[in-house]
Amino acid sequence: MGDIYDSATYEPRKGIGHLLHRVRTEILAAVDRELAADEQLAAMEVTSAQFIILATLSMGLAKSASDLCKGISYDAGAMTRMIDRLEEKDLLRRSRDPGDRRLVNLELTEKGNAALPRMRDSSMRVLNRFLQGFTKVEARQLEGFLTRMLENAPRGG
């Protein structure tokens, strides 16, 4: 198979990289607005970035700040500040790993677990709005295409 883009016809603002970035930015902004519109969540001042951290922890995809940084491509300083804010809001807690006291694990608090379903519902409403006009088959196809792109991504190391 040949290259999709070539220097004679490539238009960066119409390219997949630019479009993916714009869609991601718009989805996160819409989730922020949706979370702020929910009376209970608005009181917690939860952001889309904070929701992503809580959801990642709740699914068992990470258990430390380091895991989160790798999984969602955040730098360590920004992640520490985000975890500090979530801890201040009593949505997660830090605890020393019993097997290795140097490690700090993260877990959702009771309040974090209780708020997560509302956050997920807000996120799903946004995604469903972005997918208006798509059939379920088209949405699954899009997910498949994006997954294939991620599989093609070079791995650092």
Protein backbone atom coordinates (compact mmCIF):
# COMPACT_ATOMS: atom_id res chain seq x y z
CA MET A 1 0.00 0.00 0.00
CA GLY A 2 1.20 3.46 -0.84
CA ASP A 3 1.40 6.53 1.30
CA ILE A 4 -1.85 8.35 2.04
CA TYR A 5 -0.28 11.82 2.06
CA ASP A 6 2.22 13.30 -0.40
CA SER A 7 3.97 16.67 -0.52
CA ALA A 8 2.09 17.80 -3.64
CA THR A 9 -1.39 17.51 -2.12
CA TYR A 10 -0.90 17.51 1.65
CA GLU A 11 -2.96 20.13 3.48
CA PRO A 12 -2.09 19.98 7.21
CA ARG A 13 -5.39 21.54 8.36
CA LYS A 14 -7.31 18.81 6.53
CA GLY A 15 -4.99 16.02 7.69
CA ILE A 16 -5.90 13.37 10.23
CA GLY A 17 -3.48 14.72 12.86
CA HIS A 18 -5.06 18.18 12.90
CA LEU A 19 -8.60 16.76 12.81
CA LEU A 20 -7.93 14.32 15.66
CA HIS A 21 -6.45 17.12 17.75
CA ARG A 22 -9.45 19.36 17.09
CA VAL A 23 -11.96 16.60 17.89
CA ARG A 24 -10.13 15.75 21.13
CA THR A 25 -10.01 19.42 22.14
CA GLU A 26 -13.70 19.92 21.38
CA ILE A 27 -14.74 16.74 23.22
CA LEU A 28 -12.78 17.70 26.35
CA ALA A 29 -14.23 21.23 26.29
CA ALA A 30 -17.74 19.82 25.87
CA VAL A 31 -17.20 17.37 28.75
CA ASP A 32 -15.98 20.27 30.90
CA ARG A 33 -19.20 22.18 30.11
CA GLU A 34 -21.35 19.10 30.76
CA LEU A 35 -19.69 18.44 34.12
CA ALA A 36 -20.13 22.09 35.09
CA ALA A 37 -23.82 21.93 34.13
CA ASP A 38 -24.46 19.04 36.55
CA GLU A 39 -25.35 20.61 39.90
CA GLN A 40 -23.67 17.93 42.03
CA LEU A 41 -20.52 17.73 39.92
CA ALA A 42 -20.30 21.50 39.51
CA ALA A 43 -20.00 21.81 43.29
CA MET A 44 -16.89 19.58 43.08
CA GLU A 45 -15.45 21.62 40.20
CA VAL A 46 -14.46 18.45 38.34
CA THR A 47 -12.81 18.80 34.93
CA SER A 48 -12.62 16.40 31.99
CA ALA A 49 -8.92 15.81 32.75
CA GLN A 50 -9.77 14.90 36.34
CA PHE A 51 -12.56 12.60 35.15
CA ILE A 52 -10.08 10.79 32.88
CA ILE A 53 -7.77 10.20 35.87
CA LEU A 54 -10.59 8.93 38.08
CA ALA A 55 -11.98 6.69 35.33
CA THR A 56 -8.53 5.27 34.56
CA LEU A 57 -7.97 4.44 38.23
CA SER A 58 -11.47 2.93 38.62
CA MET A 59 -10.91 0.60 35.66
CA GLY A 60 -7.67 -0.68 37.17
CA LEU A 61 -5.62 0.64 34.22
CA ALA A 62 -3.29 2.50 36.58
CA LYS A 63 -2.54 2.53 40.27
CA SER A 64 0.15 5.20 40.57
CA ALA A 65 0.95 8.66 39.25
CA SER A 66 3.65 7.11 37.08
CA ASP A 67 1.15 4.66 35.55
CA LEU A 68 -1.24 7.54 34.85
CA CYS A 69 1.48 9.63 33.19
CA LYS A 70 2.35 6.78 30.84
CA GLY A 71 -1.27 5.88 30.12
CA ILE A 72 -2.58 9.35 29.35
CA SER A 73 0.59 11.18 28.29
CA TYR A 74 0.80 13.77 31.08
CA ASP A 75 4.05 15.10 32.44
CA ALA A 76 4.86 14.24 36.05
CA GLY A 77 4.54 17.81 37.37
CA ALA A 78 1.11 18.35 35.86
CA MET A 79 0.00 14.95 37.11
CA THR A 80 1.14 15.69 40.67
CA ARG A 81 -0.83 18.96 40.67
CA MET A 82 -3.91 17.18 39.29
CA ILE A 83 -3.66 14.44 41.94
CA ASP A 84 -3.21 17.09 44.64
CA ARG A 85 -6.45 18.78 43.51
CA LEU A 86 -8.35 15.47 43.39
CA GLU A 87 -7.08 14.60 46.87
CA GLU A 88 -8.13 18.04 48.18
CA LYS A 89 -11.62 17.38 46.76
CA ASP A 90 -11.61 14.00 48.56
CA LEU A 91 -12.10 12.13 45.27
CA LEU A 92 -8.94 10.03 45.55
CA ARG A 93 -6.33 9.19 48.16
CA ARG A 94 -2.67 8.32 48.14
CA SER A 95 -1.42 5.33 50.12
CA ARG A 96 1.96 3.68 50.50
CA ASP A 97 2.32 0.34 48.79
CA PRO A 98 2.56 -2.31 51.54
CA GLY A 99 5.03 -4.32 49.46
CA ASP A 100 7.32 -1.38 48.68
CA ARG A 101 7.04 1.72 50.89
CA ARG A 102 8.72 3.83 48.18
CA LEU A 103 5.68 3.38 45.94
CA VAL A 104 2.56 5.50 46.35
CA ASN A 105 -0.67 3.99 45.10
CA LEU A 106 -3.78 5.94 44.21
CA GLU A 107 -7.34 4.87 44.86
CA LEU A 108 -10.74 6.45 44.61
CA THR A 109 -12.39 7.50 47.84
CA GLU A 110 -16.01 6.72 48.63
CA LYS A 111 -16.90 10.18 47.34
CA GLY A 112 -14.91 9.56 44.13
CA ASN A 113 -16.60 6.22 43.53
CA ALA A 114 -20.01 7.78 44.17
CA ALA A 115 -19.39 10.66 41.73
CA LEU A 116 -17.91 8.54 38.94
CA PRO A 117 -21.21 7.25 37.46
CA ARG A 118 -22.48 10.84 37.05
CA MET A 119 -19.20 11.80 35.38
CA ARG A 120 -19.43 8.80 33.06
CA ASP A 121 -23.02 9.72 32.14
CA SER A 122 -21.91 13.28 31.35
CA SER A 123 -19.06 11.98 29.20
CA MET A 124 -21.34 9.55 27.34
CA ARG A 125 -23.85 12.32 26.61
CA VAL A 126 -21.08 14.36 25.02
CA LEU A 127 -19.77 11.45 22.95
CA ASN A 128 -23.27 10.61 21.77
CA ARG A 129 -23.73 14.23 20.65
CA PHE A 130 -20.45 14.09 18.72
CA LEU A 131 -21.60 10.87 17.07
CA GLN A 132 -25.01 12.19 15.97
CA GLY A 133 -25.66 11.11 12.40
CA PHE A 134 -23.42 8.06 12.74
CA THR A 135 -24.90 4.58 12.87
CA LYS A 136 -23.69 2.20 15.58
CA VAL A 137 -21.84 0.29 12.87
CA GLU A 138 -20.09 3.49 11.72
CA ALA A 139 -19.17 4.39 15.30
CA ARG A 140 -17.66 0.90 15.85
CA GLN A 141 -15.83 1.27 12.52
CA LEU A 142 -14.40 4.61 13.62
CA GLU A 143 -13.26 3.05 16.90
CA GLY A 144 -11.63 0.27 14.90
CA PHE A 145 -9.84 2.73 12.60
CA LEU A 146 -8.54 4.74 15.54
CA THR A 147 -7.39 1.55 17.29
CA ARG A 148 -5.50 0.54 14.14
CA MET A 149 -3.81 3.94 14.09
CA LEU A 150 -2.73 3.46 17.71
CA GLU A 151 -1.36 0.02 16.85
CA ASN A 152 0.75 1.70 14.12
CA ALA A 153 2.18 4.21 16.59
CA PRO A 154 5.91 3.84 17.27
CA ARG A 155 6.69 2.65 20.76
CA GLY A 156 9.20 4.61 22.79
CA GLY A 157 11.92 2.74 24.48
